[in-house]
Amino acid sequence: MQLTVRVKPGSRRGPLVEDTADGLVVHVRERAVDGAANAGVVKALAAHFGVAPRDVEILRGHTARIKRVEVDA
């Protein structure tokens, strides 16, 4: 399934996945430096959906806060 998520890097609340009226919001502790936040997003979404991190792929938005993600369930 493909999802659009909003990422909040450097959050003290992370790792946390919230389901809001606007969609999924992913809070991660990692900063947006050298792909660390993207790795945190993959781990958080994998834990949220109960799949392995290899089953979560960022399709679009590698350098943006709004990302298109595919989760193989």
N, C-alpha and C. Protein backbone atom coordinates (compact mmCIF):
# COMPACT_ATOMS: atom_id res chain seq x y z
N MET A 1 0.83 -1.17 0.00
CA MET A 1 0.00 0.00 0.00
C MET A 1 0.88 1.24 0.00
N GLN A 2 0.42 2.29 -0.65
CA GLN A 2 1.17 3.54 -0.70
C GLN A 2 0.51 4.56 0.20
N LEU A 3 1.34 5.31 0.92
CA LEU A 3 0.86 6.31 1.87
C LEU A 3 1.61 7.62 1.67
N THR A 4 0.96 8.70 2.02
CA THR A 4 1.62 10.00 2.09
C THR A 4 1.78 10.32 3.57
N VAL A 5 3.00 10.59 4.00
CA VAL A 5 3.26 10.87 5.41
C VAL A 5 3.96 12.22 5.55
N ARG A 6 3.72 12.86 6.68
CA ARG A 6 4.40 14.10 7.03
C ARG A 6 5.40 13.76 8.11
N VAL A 7 6.63 14.19 7.95
CA VAL A 7 7.71 13.83 8.86
C VAL A 7 8.09 15.03 9.71
N LYS A 8 8.29 14.78 11.00
CA LYS A 8 8.75 15.80 11.93
C LYS A 8 10.10 15.33 12.49
N PRO A 9 11.22 15.69 11.81
CA PRO A 9 12.54 15.25 12.29
C PRO A 9 12.96 16.03 13.53
N GLY A 10 13.81 15.43 14.34
CA GLY A 10 14.33 16.09 15.53
C GLY A 10 13.29 16.26 16.62
N SER A 11 12.26 15.44 16.63
CA SER A 11 11.17 15.56 17.58
C SER A 11 11.51 14.85 18.88
N ARG A 12 11.14 15.45 19.98
CA ARG A 12 11.35 14.79 21.28
C ARG A 12 10.31 13.70 21.51
N ARG A 13 9.24 13.73 20.75
CA ARG A 13 8.16 12.75 20.91
C ARG A 13 8.45 11.44 20.20
N GLY A 14 9.46 11.41 19.36
CA GLY A 14 9.70 10.26 18.50
C GLY A 14 10.36 9.10 19.19
N PRO A 15 10.36 7.96 18.58
CA PRO A 15 9.65 7.59 17.35
C PRO A 15 8.17 7.35 17.64
N LEU A 16 7.33 8.01 16.86
CA LEU A 16 5.89 7.94 17.05
C LEU A 16 5.20 8.14 15.72
N VAL A 17 4.16 7.35 15.46
CA VAL A 17 3.35 7.50 14.25
C VAL A 17 1.94 7.87 14.71
N GLU A 18 1.47 9.05 14.29
CA GLU A 18 0.14 9.51 14.64
C GLU A 18 -0.76 9.47 13.42
N ASP A 19 -1.98 9.06 13.63
CA ASP A 19 -2.98 9.07 12.56
C ASP A 19 -3.88 10.28 12.80
N THR A 20 -3.72 11.33 11.99
CA THR A 20 -4.50 12.55 12.13
C THR A 20 -5.51 12.65 11.00
N ALA A 21 -6.32 13.70 11.03
CA ALA A 21 -7.31 13.92 9.97
C ALA A 21 -6.62 14.17 8.63
N ASP A 22 -5.39 14.71 8.66
CA ASP A 22 -4.65 15.01 7.44
C ASP A 22 -3.84 13.83 6.94
N GLY A 23 -3.79 12.74 7.68
CA GLY A 23 -3.00 11.58 7.30
C GLY A 23 -2.04 11.19 8.40
N LEU A 24 -1.03 10.42 8.05
CA LEU A 24 -0.05 9.97 9.04
C LEU A 24 1.02 11.03 9.27
N VAL A 25 1.36 11.24 10.54
CA VAL A 25 2.46 12.12 10.92
C VAL A 25 3.47 11.26 11.66
N VAL A 26 4.72 11.27 11.19
CA VAL A 26 5.77 10.45 11.79
C VAL A 26 6.76 11.37 12.50
N HIS A 27 6.87 11.21 13.82
CA HIS A 27 7.83 11.95 14.62
C HIS A 27 9.06 11.07 14.81
N VAL A 28 10.23 11.58 14.45
CA VAL A 28 11.48 10.84 14.65
C VAL A 28 12.48 11.71 15.38
N ARG A 29 13.31 11.10 16.19
CA ARG A 29 14.32 11.84 16.94
C ARG A 29 15.50 12.27 16.07
N GLU A 30 15.78 11.51 15.03
CA GLU A 30 16.93 11.80 14.17
C GLU A 30 16.73 13.12 13.43
N ARG A 31 17.82 13.83 13.26
CA ARG A 31 17.80 15.08 12.50
C ARG A 31 17.86 14.77 11.01
N ALA A 32 17.48 15.72 10.20
CA ALA A 32 17.48 15.55 8.75
C ALA A 32 18.88 15.82 8.19
N VAL A 33 19.82 14.99 8.59
CA VAL A 33 21.21 15.12 8.16
C VAL A 33 21.68 13.77 7.64
N ASP A 34 22.17 13.74 6.41
CA ASP A 34 22.74 12.53 5.80
C ASP A 34 21.77 11.35 5.80
N GLY A 35 20.49 11.61 5.64
CA GLY A 35 19.51 10.54 5.53
C GLY A 35 19.13 9.88 6.85
N ALA A 36 19.56 10.44 7.97
CA ALA A 36 19.26 9.83 9.26
C ALA A 36 17.76 9.86 9.55
N ALA A 37 17.08 10.94 9.21
CA ALA A 37 15.65 11.04 9.46
C ALA A 37 14.89 10.04 8.58
N ASN A 38 15.33 9.85 7.35
CA ASN A 38 14.68 8.88 6.47
C ASN A 38 14.79 7.47 7.04
N ALA A 39 15.94 7.13 7.57
CA ALA A 39 16.11 5.81 8.20
C ALA A 39 15.20 5.68 9.41
N GLY A 40 15.05 6.75 10.18
CA GLY A 40 14.15 6.74 11.32
C GLY A 40 12.70 6.56 10.91
N VAL A 41 12.32 7.20 9.80
CA VAL A 41 10.96 7.06 9.28
C VAL A 41 10.68 5.62 8.87
N VAL A 42 11.63 5.01 8.20
CA VAL A 42 11.46 3.61 7.77
C VAL A 42 11.30 2.71 8.99
N LYS A 43 12.13 2.89 10.00
CA LYS A 43 12.04 2.06 11.22
C LYS A 43 10.71 2.27 11.94
N ALA A 44 10.29 3.53 12.07
CA ALA A 44 9.05 3.84 12.78
C ALA A 44 7.83 3.27 12.05
N LEU A 45 7.79 3.41 10.74
CA LEU A 45 6.66 2.87 9.98
C LEU A 45 6.66 1.35 10.00
N ALA A 46 7.83 0.74 9.95
CA ALA A 46 7.91 -0.72 10.01
C ALA A 46 7.37 -1.23 11.35
N ALA A 47 7.73 -0.56 12.43
CA ALA A 47 7.24 -0.96 13.74
C ALA A 47 5.73 -0.74 13.85
N HIS A 48 5.25 0.36 13.29
CA HIS A 48 3.82 0.70 13.35
C HIS A 48 2.97 -0.33 12.61
N PHE A 49 3.42 -0.75 11.43
CA PHE A 49 2.65 -1.69 10.62
C PHE A 49 3.02 -3.15 10.88
N GLY A 50 4.02 -3.40 11.72
CA GLY A 50 4.40 -4.77 12.06
C GLY A 50 5.07 -5.52 10.92
N VAL A 51 5.88 -4.81 10.14
CA VAL A 51 6.62 -5.44 9.04
C VAL A 51 8.11 -5.18 9.25
N ALA A 52 8.93 -5.84 8.46
CA ALA A 52 10.37 -5.63 8.52
C ALA A 52 10.71 -4.30 7.85
N PRO A 53 11.78 -3.63 8.28
CA PRO A 53 12.17 -2.37 7.65
C PRO A 53 12.44 -2.50 6.15
N ARG A 54 12.84 -3.67 5.69
CA ARG A 54 13.09 -3.85 4.25
C ARG A 54 11.80 -3.79 3.44
N ASP A 55 10.64 -3.91 4.11
CA ASP A 55 9.35 -3.86 3.44
C ASP A 55 8.78 -2.44 3.35
N VAL A 56 9.54 -1.46 3.83
CA VAL A 56 9.11 -0.05 3.78
C VAL A 56 10.08 0.68 2.86
N GLU A 57 9.55 1.38 1.86
CA GLU A 57 10.39 2.09 0.90
C GLU A 57 9.85 3.50 0.68
N ILE A 58 10.76 4.48 0.71
CA ILE A 58 10.40 5.86 0.42
C ILE A 58 10.46 6.02 -1.10
N LEU A 59 9.32 6.34 -1.70
CA LEU A 59 9.25 6.47 -3.14
C LEU A 59 9.60 7.89 -3.60
N ARG A 60 9.04 8.88 -2.94
CA ARG A 60 9.26 10.28 -3.30
C ARG A 60 9.44 11.11 -2.05
N GLY A 61 10.16 12.22 -2.18
CA GLY A 61 10.31 13.14 -1.07
C GLY A 61 11.47 12.83 -0.16
N HIS A 62 12.55 12.32 -0.71
CA HIS A 62 13.71 11.97 0.11
C HIS A 62 14.27 13.17 0.86
N THR A 63 14.12 14.37 0.30
CA THR A 63 14.66 15.57 0.95
C THR A 63 13.54 16.49 1.43
N ALA A 64 12.31 16.01 1.44
CA ALA A 64 11.17 16.83 1.85
C ALA A 64 10.53 16.26 3.11
N ARG A 65 9.72 17.08 3.77
CA ARG A 65 9.02 16.61 4.96
C ARG A 65 7.79 15.78 4.61
N ILE A 66 7.22 16.00 3.44
CA ILE A 66 6.09 15.19 3.00
C ILE A 66 6.63 14.14 2.04
N LYS A 67 6.39 12.89 2.39
CA LYS A 67 6.99 11.77 1.63
C LYS A 67 5.90 10.82 1.15
N ARG A 68 6.17 10.17 0.05
CA ARG A 68 5.30 9.09 -0.46
C ARG A 68 6.03 7.80 -0.14
N VAL A 69 5.37 6.92 0.60
CA VAL A 69 6.00 5.72 1.11
C VAL A 69 5.18 4.50 0.71
N GLU A 70 5.87 3.41 0.39
CA GLU A 70 5.19 2.15 0.08
C GLU A 70 5.52 1.14 1.16
N VAL A 71 4.47 0.49 1.67
CA VAL A 71 4.62 -0.53 2.70
C VAL A 71 4.10 -1.83 2.13
N ASP A 72 4.95 -2.85 2.07
CA ASP A 72 4.55 -4.18 1.61
C ASP A 72 4.10 -4.98 2.83
N ALA A 73 2.82 -5.23 2.90
CA ALA A 73 2.29 -5.94 4.08
C ALA A 73 1.98 -7.38 3.76
